[in-house]
Amino acid sequence: MTLSIAPAALLAYLLGSIPTAVWYGRAFFNIDIREHGSGNAGATNTFRVLGKRAGTVVMLVDVLKGFAAASLVHILSALGTLSADEVLGCQLLFGFLAVLGHLFPVFAQFRGGKGVATLLGMALAIKPEVAAICIGVWLLVVIASQYVSLGSILAALAFPVLLLLRISGQPESPLLIAFGFVIFLVVVVTHKKNIGRLIQGNESRTVLIKLKKTK
């Protein structure tokens, strides 16, 4: 089993290591996105520096990385390598490795993004209905506050909390719930500078929807 999982685990990390923002910025704008804006190689900084189209492309590809990595288990299952009881554990492993790759990409000098979009892709592959609600939480928070970082933190917290609330109508795996809280802590750590700026009141704002002012 270990020998069969190892290549998939490596592939999951390599998928996560695809530095979408860096490659897109170099290919279409001849810049390294990490040298502009917040210096982060993620979708949010791409939105701010390169515009909505570039940011959308980067976000979608980063989500796809996490989704594809967590979905590698289906190939192993089809080959008879994994039992039904081993699927969730391997999904979490492969998804986490993709996030690790996004944070420390081998293709970009180990300087990556914060992993939120890749985490979302992983969550969509494992619990799509819960992930969809988390997307709604993120949208509501960002539209109301204009802080992407705050939306990301609260959406990450919503995932394990929703699992605890059993919104699917059945008990969830304790492993998945524990992993959800671990991921929330990872998001908090990767956003520690943003949290500091939020407390100080000087965090950058992002306007998703421009509301018309009434006369």
N, C-alpha and C. Protein backbone atom coordinates (compact mmCIF):
# COMPACT_ATOMS: atom_id res chain seq x y z
N MET A 1 0.83 -1.21 0.00
CA MET A 1 0.00 0.00 0.00
C MET A 1 0.86 1.26 0.00
N THR A 2 1.91 1.26 0.83
CA THR A 2 2.78 2.44 0.92
C THR A 2 3.44 2.73 -0.42
N LEU A 3 3.87 1.67 -1.12
CA LEU A 3 4.53 1.85 -2.41
C LEU A 3 3.58 2.42 -3.44
N SER A 4 2.31 2.07 -3.37
CA SER A 4 1.34 2.57 -4.34
C SER A 4 0.90 4.00 -4.02
N ILE A 5 0.88 4.34 -2.72
CA ILE A 5 0.45 5.68 -2.31
C ILE A 5 1.55 6.71 -2.54
N ALA A 6 2.80 6.31 -2.39
CA ALA A 6 3.92 7.25 -2.49
C ALA A 6 3.92 8.05 -3.80
N PRO A 7 3.77 7.41 -4.98
CA PRO A 7 3.74 8.20 -6.22
C PRO A 7 2.57 9.18 -6.27
N ALA A 8 1.40 8.75 -5.76
CA ALA A 8 0.24 9.64 -5.74
C ALA A 8 0.48 10.81 -4.79
N ALA A 9 1.11 10.54 -3.65
CA ALA A 9 1.42 11.60 -2.69
C ALA A 9 2.37 12.62 -3.30
N LEU A 10 3.38 12.13 -4.01
CA LEU A 10 4.32 13.04 -4.68
C LEU A 10 3.61 13.87 -5.74
N LEU A 11 2.72 13.22 -6.50
CA LEU A 11 1.96 13.94 -7.53
C LEU A 11 1.08 15.00 -6.91
N ALA A 12 0.47 14.71 -5.75
CA ALA A 12 -0.37 15.68 -5.07
C ALA A 12 0.44 16.93 -4.69
N TYR A 13 1.64 16.71 -4.15
CA TYR A 13 2.50 17.84 -3.80
C TYR A 13 2.89 18.64 -5.04
N LEU A 14 3.22 17.96 -6.13
CA LEU A 14 3.61 18.64 -7.36
C LEU A 14 2.45 19.43 -7.96
N LEU A 15 1.25 18.87 -7.86
CA LEU A 15 0.07 19.61 -8.32
C LEU A 15 -0.08 20.90 -7.53
N GLY A 16 0.06 20.79 -6.21
CA GLY A 16 -0.04 21.98 -5.38
C GLY A 16 1.08 22.98 -5.63
N SER A 17 2.21 22.48 -6.09
CA SER A 17 3.38 23.33 -6.31
C SER A 17 3.28 24.17 -7.58
N ILE A 18 2.28 23.91 -8.41
CA ILE A 18 2.12 24.73 -9.63
C ILE A 18 1.88 26.17 -9.19
N PRO A 19 2.83 27.08 -9.44
CA PRO A 19 2.70 28.47 -8.96
C PRO A 19 1.88 29.31 -9.94
N THR A 20 0.58 29.11 -9.92
CA THR A 20 -0.31 29.72 -10.91
C THR A 20 -0.10 31.22 -11.04
N ALA A 21 -0.12 31.92 -9.91
CA ALA A 21 0.01 33.38 -9.95
C ALA A 21 1.35 33.82 -10.53
N VAL A 22 2.41 33.11 -10.15
CA VAL A 22 3.75 33.46 -10.63
C VAL A 22 3.85 33.23 -12.14
N TRP A 23 3.43 32.07 -12.60
CA TRP A 23 3.53 31.75 -14.03
C TRP A 23 2.62 32.63 -14.87
N TYR A 24 1.42 32.90 -14.37
CA TYR A 24 0.49 33.75 -15.12
C TYR A 24 1.04 35.17 -15.23
N GLY A 25 1.56 35.69 -14.12
CA GLY A 25 2.11 37.05 -14.14
C GLY A 25 3.29 37.18 -15.09
N ARG A 26 4.14 36.17 -15.10
CA ARG A 26 5.30 36.22 -15.99
C ARG A 26 4.89 36.07 -17.45
N ALA A 27 3.93 35.18 -17.72
CA ALA A 27 3.53 34.89 -19.10
C ALA A 27 2.78 36.04 -19.75
N PHE A 28 1.90 36.71 -19.00
CA PHE A 28 1.03 37.71 -19.61
C PHE A 28 1.35 39.15 -19.21
N PHE A 29 2.14 39.35 -18.14
CA PHE A 29 2.44 40.71 -17.70
C PHE A 29 3.94 40.95 -17.52
N ASN A 30 4.73 39.89 -17.70
CA ASN A 30 6.18 39.99 -17.58
C ASN A 30 6.62 40.52 -16.22
N ILE A 31 5.90 40.08 -15.16
CA ILE A 31 6.27 40.48 -13.80
C ILE A 31 6.22 39.26 -12.89
N ASP A 32 6.91 39.37 -11.78
CA ASP A 32 6.80 38.37 -10.72
C ASP A 32 5.83 38.94 -9.69
N ILE A 33 4.66 38.33 -9.56
CA ILE A 33 3.62 38.85 -8.69
C ILE A 33 4.11 39.00 -7.25
N ARG A 34 5.14 38.24 -6.87
CA ARG A 34 5.65 38.30 -5.50
C ARG A 34 6.45 39.57 -5.24
N GLU A 35 6.71 40.34 -6.28
CA GLU A 35 7.43 41.60 -6.13
C GLU A 35 6.50 42.81 -6.16
N HIS A 36 5.19 42.53 -6.10
CA HIS A 36 4.21 43.60 -6.17
C HIS A 36 3.11 43.37 -5.14
N GLY A 37 2.40 44.44 -4.81
CA GLY A 37 1.30 44.33 -3.86
C GLY A 37 1.76 43.81 -2.51
N SER A 38 1.05 42.78 -2.04
CA SER A 38 1.38 42.20 -0.73
C SER A 38 2.58 41.26 -0.80
N GLY A 39 3.02 40.93 -2.02
CA GLY A 39 4.13 40.00 -2.18
C GLY A 39 3.71 38.55 -2.12
N ASN A 40 2.41 38.31 -2.06
CA ASN A 40 1.88 36.96 -1.95
C ASN A 40 1.56 36.39 -3.33
N ALA A 41 1.90 35.12 -3.53
CA ALA A 41 1.66 34.47 -4.82
C ALA A 41 0.32 33.75 -4.80
N GLY A 42 -0.75 34.51 -4.59
CA GLY A 42 -2.07 33.92 -4.53
C GLY A 42 -3.08 34.72 -5.32
N ALA A 43 -4.33 34.26 -5.29
CA ALA A 43 -5.38 34.88 -6.10
C ALA A 43 -5.70 36.30 -5.65
N THR A 44 -5.74 36.54 -4.34
CA THR A 44 -6.11 37.87 -3.84
C THR A 44 -5.14 38.93 -4.32
N ASN A 45 -3.85 38.67 -4.19
CA ASN A 45 -2.86 39.64 -4.64
C ASN A 45 -2.90 39.80 -6.16
N THR A 46 -3.22 38.71 -6.86
CA THR A 46 -3.34 38.78 -8.31
C THR A 46 -4.51 39.67 -8.71
N PHE A 47 -5.63 39.54 -8.01
CA PHE A 47 -6.78 40.41 -8.25
C PHE A 47 -6.37 41.87 -8.11
N ARG A 48 -5.67 42.18 -7.05
CA ARG A 48 -5.34 43.58 -6.76
C ARG A 48 -4.31 44.14 -7.73
N VAL A 49 -3.33 43.32 -8.11
CA VAL A 49 -2.23 43.81 -8.94
C VAL A 49 -2.53 43.69 -10.44
N LEU A 50 -3.09 42.56 -10.85
CA LEU A 50 -3.26 42.28 -12.27
C LEU A 50 -4.70 42.36 -12.77
N GLY A 51 -5.66 42.50 -11.87
CA GLY A 51 -7.04 42.67 -12.30
C GLY A 51 -7.90 41.44 -12.08
N LYS A 52 -9.21 41.62 -12.34
CA LYS A 52 -10.19 40.58 -12.05
C LYS A 52 -10.02 39.35 -12.92
N ARG A 53 -9.73 39.53 -14.21
CA ARG A 53 -9.59 38.38 -15.09
C ARG A 53 -8.43 37.49 -14.64
N ALA A 54 -7.28 38.10 -14.40
CA ALA A 54 -6.11 37.34 -13.96
C ALA A 54 -6.38 36.68 -12.61
N GLY A 55 -6.98 37.42 -11.69
CA GLY A 55 -7.27 36.88 -10.37
C GLY A 55 -8.23 35.70 -10.43
N THR A 56 -9.22 35.80 -11.31
CA THR A 56 -10.20 34.71 -11.46
C THR A 56 -9.53 33.45 -12.00
N VAL A 57 -8.68 33.61 -13.02
CA VAL A 57 -7.97 32.46 -13.58
C VAL A 57 -7.11 31.79 -12.53
N VAL A 58 -6.35 32.60 -11.80
CA VAL A 58 -5.46 32.06 -10.76
C VAL A 58 -6.27 31.34 -9.69
N MET A 59 -7.36 31.94 -9.26
CA MET A 59 -8.18 31.33 -8.22
C MET A 59 -8.75 29.98 -8.67
N LEU A 60 -9.28 29.93 -9.88
CA LEU A 60 -9.88 28.69 -10.38
C LEU A 60 -8.84 27.58 -10.51
N VAL A 61 -7.67 27.92 -11.01
CA VAL A 61 -6.62 26.90 -11.15
C VAL A 61 -6.14 26.43 -9.79
N ASP A 62 -6.02 27.35 -8.84
CA ASP A 62 -5.58 26.97 -7.49
C ASP A 62 -6.62 26.08 -6.80
N VAL A 63 -7.90 26.36 -7.04
CA VAL A 63 -8.95 25.48 -6.51
C VAL A 63 -8.85 24.10 -7.15
N LEU A 64 -8.63 24.09 -8.46
CA LEU A 64 -8.53 22.82 -9.19
C LEU A 64 -7.37 21.97 -8.68
N LYS A 65 -6.28 22.61 -8.27
CA LYS A 65 -5.13 21.86 -7.74
C LYS A 65 -5.53 21.02 -6.53
N GLY A 66 -6.23 21.64 -5.59
CA GLY A 66 -6.65 20.92 -4.40
C GLY A 66 -7.67 19.85 -4.71
N PHE A 67 -8.59 20.17 -5.62
CA PHE A 67 -9.62 19.20 -6.00
C PHE A 67 -9.00 17.99 -6.68
N ALA A 68 -8.08 18.24 -7.61
CA ALA A 68 -7.44 17.14 -8.34
C ALA A 68 -6.60 16.27 -7.41
N ALA A 69 -5.90 16.90 -6.49
CA ALA A 69 -5.05 16.14 -5.57
C ALA A 69 -5.89 15.21 -4.69
N ALA A 70 -6.96 15.76 -4.10
CA ALA A 70 -7.81 14.94 -3.24
C ALA A 70 -8.55 13.87 -4.02
N SER A 71 -8.75 14.09 -5.31
CA SER A 71 -9.48 13.13 -6.15
C SER A 71 -8.59 12.01 -6.67
N LEU A 72 -7.30 12.07 -6.40
CA LEU A 72 -6.40 10.99 -6.83
C LEU A 72 -6.78 9.66 -6.20
N VAL A 73 -7.49 9.72 -5.07
CA VAL A 73 -7.89 8.48 -4.40
C VAL A 73 -8.80 7.62 -5.27
N HIS A 74 -9.55 8.27 -6.15
CA HIS A 74 -10.48 7.51 -6.99
C HIS A 74 -9.73 6.63 -7.99
N ILE A 75 -8.58 7.12 -8.42
CA ILE A 75 -7.75 6.31 -9.32
C ILE A 75 -7.20 5.11 -8.58
N LEU A 76 -6.71 5.35 -7.35
CA LEU A 76 -6.18 4.25 -6.55
C LEU A 76 -7.28 3.25 -6.19
N SER A 77 -8.47 3.75 -5.91
CA SER A 77 -9.58 2.86 -5.59
C SER A 77 -9.95 1.99 -6.79
N ALA A 78 -9.96 2.62 -7.97
CA ALA A 78 -10.30 1.88 -9.19
C ALA A 78 -9.27 0.80 -9.48
N LEU A 79 -8.04 1.04 -9.08
CA LEU A 79 -6.96 0.06 -9.28
C LEU A 79 -6.96 -1.01 -8.20
N GLY A 80 -7.84 -0.85 -7.20
CA GLY A 80 -7.92 -1.83 -6.12
C GLY A 80 -6.86 -1.66 -5.06
N THR A 81 -6.20 -0.50 -5.06
CA THR A 81 -5.13 -0.25 -4.09
C THR A 81 -5.67 0.14 -2.73
N LEU A 82 -6.81 0.86 -2.70
CA LEU A 82 -7.37 1.35 -1.45
C LEU A 82 -8.69 0.66 -1.14
N SER A 83 -8.91 0.47 0.14
CA SER A 83 -10.22 -0.02 0.59
C SER A 83 -11.09 1.19 0.88
N ALA A 84 -12.37 0.98 1.06
CA ALA A 84 -13.30 2.08 1.34
C ALA A 84 -12.92 2.81 2.62
N ASP A 85 -12.41 2.09 3.61
CA ASP A 85 -12.05 2.70 4.88
C ASP A 85 -10.80 3.58 4.78
N GLU A 86 -10.03 3.40 3.73
CA GLU A 86 -8.78 4.15 3.59
C GLU A 86 -8.92 5.39 2.72
N VAL A 87 -10.08 5.54 2.07
CA VAL A 87 -10.25 6.64 1.11
C VAL A 87 -10.14 8.00 1.78
N LEU A 88 -10.89 8.22 2.86
CA LEU A 88 -10.89 9.54 3.50
C LEU A 88 -9.50 9.93 3.98
N GLY A 89 -8.80 9.01 4.62
CA GLY A 89 -7.45 9.31 5.11
C GLY A 89 -6.52 9.73 3.99
N CYS A 90 -6.62 9.05 2.85
CA CYS A 90 -5.76 9.40 1.72
C CYS A 90 -6.19 10.71 1.07
N GLN A 91 -7.49 10.98 1.06
CA GLN A 91 -7.95 12.27 0.55
C GLN A 91 -7.37 13.42 1.37
N LEU A 92 -7.40 13.26 2.68
CA LEU A 92 -6.86 14.29 3.56
C LEU A 92 -5.35 14.43 3.36
N LEU A 93 -4.67 13.30 3.21
CA LEU A 93 -3.23 13.33 3.00
C LEU A 93 -2.88 14.02 1.69
N PHE A 94 -3.53 13.62 0.61
CA PHE A 94 -3.22 14.19 -0.71
C PHE A 94 -3.61 15.67 -0.77
N GLY A 95 -4.75 16.00 -0.17
CA GLY A 95 -5.17 17.41 -0.16
C GLY A 95 -4.20 18.26 0.63
N PHE A 96 -3.77 17.75 1.79
CA PHE A 96 -2.82 18.51 2.61
C PHE A 96 -1.49 18.70 1.88
N LEU A 97 -1.05 17.67 1.16
CA LEU A 97 0.21 17.78 0.41
C LEU A 97 0.09 18.82 -0.70
N ALA A 98 -1.09 18.92 -1.31
CA ALA A 98 -1.31 19.94 -2.33
C ALA A 98 -1.24 21.33 -1.72
N VAL A 99 -1.84 21.49 -0.53
CA VAL A 99 -1.77 22.77 0.17
C VAL A 99 -0.33 23.09 0.54
N LEU A 100 0.40 22.08 1.01
CA LEU A 100 1.81 22.26 1.34
C LEU A 100 2.60 22.69 0.11
N GLY A 101 2.27 22.08 -1.02
CA GLY A 101 2.93 22.47 -2.27
C GLY A 101 2.62 23.91 -2.64
N HIS A 102 1.38 24.34 -2.41
CA HIS A 102 1.03 25.73 -2.71
C HIS A 102 1.78 26.70 -1.80
N LEU A 103 1.92 26.32 -0.53
CA LEU A 103 2.65 27.18 0.41
C LEU A 103 4.14 27.22 0.10
N PHE A 104 4.69 26.04 -0.26
CA PHE A 104 6.13 25.92 -0.51
C PHE A 104 6.34 25.21 -1.86
N PRO A 105 6.10 25.93 -2.97
CA PRO A 105 6.17 25.31 -4.30
C PRO A 105 7.60 25.05 -4.77
N VAL A 106 7.86 23.82 -5.15
CA VAL A 106 9.19 23.46 -5.62
C VAL A 106 9.53 24.16 -6.92
N PHE A 107 8.49 24.57 -7.68
CA PHE A 107 8.72 25.24 -8.97
C PHE A 107 8.90 26.75 -8.85
N ALA A 108 8.83 27.28 -7.62
CA ALA A 108 8.93 28.74 -7.46
C ALA A 108 9.72 29.09 -6.20
N GLN A 109 10.87 28.45 -6.04
CA GLN A 109 11.79 28.74 -4.94
C GLN A 109 11.12 28.62 -3.57
N PHE A 110 10.09 27.78 -3.47
CA PHE A 110 9.39 27.51 -2.21
C PHE A 110 8.74 28.76 -1.62
N ARG A 111 8.42 29.73 -2.48
CA ARG A 111 7.72 30.95 -2.05
C ARG A 111 6.35 30.98 -2.71
N GLY A 112 5.34 30.53 -1.99
CA GLY A 112 4.02 30.42 -2.57
C GLY A 112 2.98 31.32 -1.93
N GLY A 113 1.72 30.90 -2.05
CA GLY A 113 0.62 31.68 -1.51
C GLY A 113 0.19 31.17 -0.15
N LYS A 114 -1.04 31.48 0.23
CA LYS A 114 -1.53 31.12 1.56
C LYS A 114 -2.39 29.87 1.56
N GLY A 115 -2.72 29.36 0.40
CA GLY A 115 -3.35 28.04 0.31
C GLY A 115 -4.85 27.99 0.46
N VAL A 116 -5.53 29.12 0.57
CA VAL A 116 -6.97 29.10 0.83
C VAL A 116 -7.73 28.50 -0.36
N ALA A 117 -7.41 28.93 -1.57
CA ALA A 117 -8.11 28.40 -2.75
C ALA A 117 -7.86 26.90 -2.92
N THR A 118 -6.64 26.47 -2.66
CA THR A 118 -6.31 25.04 -2.76
C THR A 118 -7.03 24.25 -1.67
N LEU A 119 -7.16 24.83 -0.50
CA LEU A 119 -7.94 24.20 0.57
C LEU A 119 -9.40 24.06 0.16
N LEU A 120 -9.93 25.08 -0.50
CA LEU A 120 -11.31 25.02 -0.97
C LEU A 120 -11.49 23.88 -1.96
N GLY A 121 -10.55 23.73 -2.88
CA GLY A 121 -10.64 22.63 -3.84
C GLY A 121 -10.63 21.28 -3.16
N MET A 122 -9.79 21.15 -2.16
CA MET A 122 -9.73 19.91 -1.37
C MET A 122 -11.07 19.66 -0.69
N ALA A 123 -11.64 20.69 -0.08
CA ALA A 123 -12.93 20.56 0.62
C ALA A 123 -14.04 20.20 -0.35
N LEU A 124 -14.01 20.77 -1.55
CA LEU A 124 -15.03 20.46 -2.55
C LEU A 124 -14.98 19.00 -2.96
N ALA A 125 -13.79 18.44 -2.98
CA ALA A 125 -13.63 17.03 -3.37
C ALA A 125 -14.12 16.09 -2.26
N ILE A 126 -13.98 16.53 -1.01
CA ILE A 126 -14.30 15.65 0.12
C ILE A 126 -15.74 15.85 0.61
N LYS A 127 -16.13 17.11 0.83
CA LYS A 127 -17.47 17.43 1.33
C LYS A 127 -18.02 18.63 0.54
N PRO A 128 -18.50 18.40 -0.67
CA PRO A 128 -18.93 19.51 -1.52
C PRO A 128 -20.05 20.35 -0.94
N GLU A 129 -21.01 19.72 -0.24
CA GLU A 129 -22.14 20.49 0.30
C GLU A 129 -21.69 21.42 1.42
N VAL A 130 -20.75 20.97 2.25
CA VAL A 130 -20.23 21.81 3.32
C VAL A 130 -19.34 22.90 2.73
N ALA A 131 -18.53 22.55 1.74
CA ALA A 131 -17.66 23.53 1.09
C ALA A 131 -18.48 24.63 0.43
N ALA A 132 -19.64 24.27 -0.14
CA ALA A 132 -20.50 25.27 -0.79
C ALA A 132 -21.00 26.29 0.22
N ILE A 133 -21.35 25.83 1.42
CA ILE A 133 -21.80 26.76 2.46
C ILE A 133 -20.64 27.66 2.90
N CYS A 134 -19.44 27.09 2.97
CA CYS A 134 -18.25 27.88 3.33
C CYS A 134 -17.99 28.98 2.29
N ILE A 135 -18.23 28.67 1.03
CA ILE A 135 -18.09 29.69 -0.01
C ILE A 135 -19.09 30.82 0.24
N GLY A 136 -20.32 30.45 0.63
CA GLY A 136 -21.32 31.45 0.96
C GLY A 136 -20.90 32.32 2.14
N VAL A 137 -20.30 31.70 3.15
CA VAL A 137 -19.79 32.44 4.31
C VAL A 137 -18.72 33.43 3.86
N TRP A 138 -17.81 32.95 3.03
CA TRP A 138 -16.73 33.82 2.54
C TRP A 138 -17.28 35.02 1.78
N LEU A 139 -18.24 34.75 0.89
CA LEU A 139 -18.82 35.83 0.09
C LEU A 139 -19.52 36.86 0.97
N LEU A 140 -20.32 36.39 1.91
CA LEU A 140 -21.05 37.32 2.78
C LEU A 140 -20.11 38.19 3.60
N VAL A 141 -19.07 37.57 4.15
CA VAL A 141 -18.13 38.32 4.98
C VAL A 141 -17.35 39.33 4.14
N VAL A 142 -16.89 38.91 2.96
CA VAL A 142 -16.09 39.82 2.12
C VAL A 142 -16.94 40.95 1.58
N ILE A 143 -18.19 40.67 1.18
CA ILE A 143 -19.07 41.73 0.68
C ILE A 143 -19.39 42.72 1.79
N ALA A 144 -19.63 42.19 3.00
CA ALA A 144 -20.01 43.06 4.12
C ALA A 144 -18.83 43.86 4.67
N SER A 145 -17.66 43.21 4.76
CA SER A 145 -16.50 43.86 5.40
C SER A 145 -15.45 44.37 4.43
N GLN A 146 -15.43 43.80 3.22
CA GLN A 146 -14.42 44.09 2.20
C GLN A 146 -13.03 43.59 2.59
N TYR A 147 -12.99 42.66 3.54
CA TYR A 147 -11.73 42.05 3.95
C TYR A 147 -11.68 40.59 3.51
N VAL A 148 -10.85 40.29 2.51
CA VAL A 148 -10.72 38.91 2.03
C VAL A 148 -10.13 38.02 3.11
N SER A 149 -9.17 38.53 3.84
CA SER A 149 -8.52 37.74 4.89
C SER A 149 -9.51 37.31 5.96
N LEU A 150 -10.38 38.22 6.38
CA LEU A 150 -11.39 37.89 7.39
C LEU A 150 -12.35 36.84 6.85
N GLY A 151 -12.75 36.99 5.59
CA GLY A 151 -13.63 36.00 4.96
C GLY A 151 -12.99 34.63 4.91
N SER A 152 -11.71 34.59 4.60
CA SER A 152 -10.99 33.32 4.51
C SER A 152 -10.90 32.63 5.87
N ILE A 153 -10.60 33.40 6.89
CA ILE A 153 -10.46 32.84 8.24
C ILE A 153 -11.80 32.29 8.74
N LEU A 154 -12.87 33.06 8.56
CA LEU A 154 -14.18 32.62 9.04
C LEU A 154 -14.73 31.46 8.22
N ALA A 155 -14.44 31.44 6.93
CA ALA A 155 -14.88 30.32 6.09
C ALA A 155 -14.14 29.04 6.49
N ALA A 156 -12.85 29.17 6.82
CA ALA A 156 -12.08 28.01 7.27
C ALA A 156 -12.62 27.48 8.59
N LEU A 157 -13.03 28.37 9.47
CA LEU A 157 -13.61 27.95 10.75
C LEU A 157 -14.97 27.30 10.54
N ALA A 158 -15.71 27.80 9.57
CA ALA A 158 -17.06 27.28 9.32
C ALA A 158 -17.04 25.81 8.93
N PHE A 159 -15.98 25.37 8.24
CA PHE A 159 -15.94 23.99 7.75
C PHE A 159 -16.05 22.97 8.89
N PRO A 160 -15.15 22.96 9.87
CA PRO A 160 -15.29 21.97 10.95
C PRO A 160 -16.52 22.20 11.82
N VAL A 161 -16.92 23.46 12.00
CA VAL A 161 -18.11 23.74 12.80
C VAL A 161 -19.36 23.15 12.15
N LEU A 162 -19.47 23.30 10.83
CA LEU A 162 -20.60 22.73 10.10
C LEU A 162 -20.60 21.21 10.17
N LEU A 163 -19.41 20.62 10.17
CA LEU A 163 -19.32 19.17 10.32
C LEU A 163 -19.83 18.74 11.69
N LEU A 164 -19.48 19.51 12.71
CA LEU A 164 -19.95 19.21 14.06
C LEU A 164 -21.47 19.32 14.16
N LEU A 165 -22.04 20.24 13.40
CA LEU A 165 -23.49 20.46 13.42
C LEU A 165 -24.25 19.42 12.61
N ARG A 166 -23.50 18.55 11.90
CA ARG A 166 -24.10 17.45 11.14
C ARG A 166 -25.14 17.94 10.13
N ILE A 167 -24.78 18.93 9.34
CA ILE A 167 -25.75 19.47 8.38
C ILE A 167 -26.12 18.45 7.31
N SER A 168 -25.29 17.44 7.13
CA SER A 168 -25.60 16.40 6.16
C SER A 168 -26.63 15.41 6.70
N GLY A 169 -26.96 15.55 8.00
CA GLY A 169 -27.96 14.68 8.60
C GLY A 169 -27.40 13.41 9.19
N GLN A 170 -26.09 13.26 9.17
CA GLN A 170 -25.48 12.06 9.74
C GLN A 170 -24.17 12.42 10.42
N PRO A 171 -23.72 11.60 11.38
CA PRO A 171 -22.46 11.89 12.07
C PRO A 171 -21.28 11.91 11.10
N GLU A 172 -20.39 12.86 11.29
CA GLU A 172 -19.22 12.98 10.43
C GLU A 172 -18.02 12.30 11.08
N SER A 173 -17.04 12.00 10.26
CA SER A 173 -15.84 11.34 10.73
C SER A 173 -15.08 12.24 11.72
N PRO A 174 -14.75 11.73 12.91
CA PRO A 174 -13.94 12.51 13.86
C PRO A 174 -12.61 12.95 13.25
N LEU A 175 -12.05 12.11 12.37
CA LEU A 175 -10.78 12.45 11.71
C LEU A 175 -10.97 13.69 10.84
N LEU A 176 -12.07 13.74 10.10
CA LEU A 176 -12.32 14.89 9.23
C LEU A 176 -12.57 16.15 10.03
N ILE A 177 -13.30 16.03 11.13
CA ILE A 177 -13.56 17.20 11.98
C ILE A 177 -12.26 17.73 12.58
N ALA A 178 -11.44 16.82 13.11
CA ALA A 178 -10.16 17.23 13.70
C ALA A 178 -9.27 17.87 12.64
N PHE A 179 -9.25 17.27 11.46
CA PHE A 179 -8.45 17.83 10.37
C PHE A 179 -8.95 19.22 10.00
N GLY A 180 -10.27 19.41 10.03
CA GLY A 180 -10.84 20.71 9.72
C GLY A 180 -10.35 21.80 10.66
N PHE A 181 -10.27 21.47 11.95
CA PHE A 181 -9.76 22.45 12.92
C PHE A 181 -8.26 22.70 12.74
N VAL A 182 -7.53 21.66 12.34
CA VAL A 182 -6.10 21.83 12.05
C VAL A 182 -5.92 22.79 10.88
N ILE A 183 -6.73 22.59 9.85
CA ILE A 183 -6.66 23.46 8.68
C ILE A 183 -7.01 24.89 9.04
N PHE A 184 -7.99 25.05 9.91
CA PHE A 184 -8.34 26.40 10.39
C PHE A 184 -7.14 27.06 11.05
N LEU A 185 -6.41 26.31 11.87
CA LEU A 185 -5.21 26.85 12.52
C LEU A 185 -4.15 27.21 11.50
N VAL A 186 -4.02 26.39 10.45
CA VAL A 186 -3.06 26.69 9.38
C VAL A 186 -3.43 28.01 8.71
N VAL A 187 -4.71 28.22 8.44
CA VAL A 187 -5.16 29.47 7.82
C VAL A 187 -4.88 30.65 8.74
N VAL A 188 -5.10 30.48 10.02
CA VAL A 188 -4.82 31.56 10.98
C VAL A 188 -3.33 31.90 10.96
N VAL A 189 -2.48 30.88 10.97
CA VAL A 189 -1.03 31.11 10.98
C VAL A 189 -0.58 31.81 9.69
N THR A 190 -1.09 31.37 8.55
CA THR A 190 -0.67 31.98 7.29
C THR A 190 -1.23 33.39 7.13
N HIS A 191 -2.23 33.73 7.94
CA HIS A 191 -2.82 35.07 7.86
C HIS A 191 -2.48 35.92 9.10
N LYS A 192 -1.43 35.55 9.81
CA LYS A 192 -1.13 36.27 11.06
C LYS A 192 -0.83 37.76 10.81
N LYS A 193 -0.16 38.08 9.69
CA LYS A 193 0.10 39.49 9.39
C LYS A 193 -1.20 40.22 9.07
N ASN A 194 -2.09 39.52 8.35
CA ASN A 194 -3.39 40.13 8.04
C ASN A 194 -4.19 40.38 9.30
N ILE A 195 -4.12 39.43 10.25
CA ILE A 195 -4.84 39.60 11.51
C ILE A 195 -4.32 40.82 12.26
N GLY A 196 -3.00 40.99 12.23
CA GLY A 196 -2.41 42.16 12.86
C GLY A 196 -2.91 43.45 12.23
N ARG A 197 -3.00 43.46 10.90
CA ARG A 197 -3.49 44.66 10.19
C ARG A 197 -4.98 44.88 10.45
N LEU A 198 -5.74 43.78 10.57
CA LEU A 198 -7.16 43.92 10.89
C LEU A 198 -7.35 44.56 12.25
N ILE A 199 -6.56 44.14 13.22
CA ILE A 199 -6.65 44.70 14.56
C ILE A 199 -6.28 46.18 14.56
N GLN A 200 -5.27 46.52 13.75
CA GLN A 200 -4.80 47.91 13.67
C GLN A 200 -5.69 48.77 12.78
N GLY A 201 -6.56 48.13 12.01
CA GLY A 201 -7.47 48.87 11.14
C GLY A 201 -6.89 49.32 9.83
N ASN A 202 -5.77 48.72 9.39
CA ASN A 202 -5.15 49.13 8.13
C ASN A 202 -5.00 47.98 7.14
N GLU A 203 -5.87 46.97 7.25
CA GLU A 203 -5.86 45.87 6.29
C GLU A 203 -6.42 46.34 4.95
N SER A 204 -5.85 45.86 3.85
CA SER A 204 -6.31 46.24 2.52
C SER A 204 -7.73 45.74 2.28
N ARG A 205 -8.51 46.55 1.61
CA ARG A 205 -9.90 46.20 1.32
C ARG A 205 -10.03 45.73 -0.14
N THR A 206 -10.99 44.87 -0.37
CA THR A 206 -11.29 44.39 -1.72
C THR A 206 -12.79 44.51 -1.94
N VAL A 207 -13.17 45.25 -2.97
CA VAL A 207 -14.59 45.45 -3.26
C VAL A 207 -15.03 44.43 -4.30
N LEU A 208 -15.87 43.48 -3.87
CA LEU A 208 -16.41 42.49 -4.80
C LEU A 208 -17.60 43.01 -5.57
N ILE A 209 -18.47 43.73 -4.85
CA ILE A 209 -19.67 44.29 -5.47
C ILE A 209 -19.76 45.76 -5.11
N LYS A 210 -19.82 46.61 -6.13
CA LYS A 210 -19.95 48.03 -5.90
C LYS A 210 -21.43 48.38 -5.76
N LEU A 211 -21.79 48.84 -4.58
CA LEU A 211 -23.18 49.21 -4.34
C LEU A 211 -23.40 50.67 -4.75
N LYS A 212 -24.50 50.90 -5.47
CA LYS A 212 -24.81 52.24 -5.93
C LYS A 212 -25.29 53.10 -4.77
N LYS A 213 -24.75 54.28 -4.68
CA LYS A 213 -25.14 55.20 -3.62
C LYS A 213 -26.45 55.89 -4.00
N THR A 214 -27.36 55.90 -3.04
CA THR A 214 -28.62 56.57 -3.29
C THR A 214 -28.47 58.07 -3.02
N LYS A 215 -29.13 58.85 -3.87
CA LYS A 215 -29.03 60.32 -3.72
C LYS A 215 -29.94 60.80 -2.60
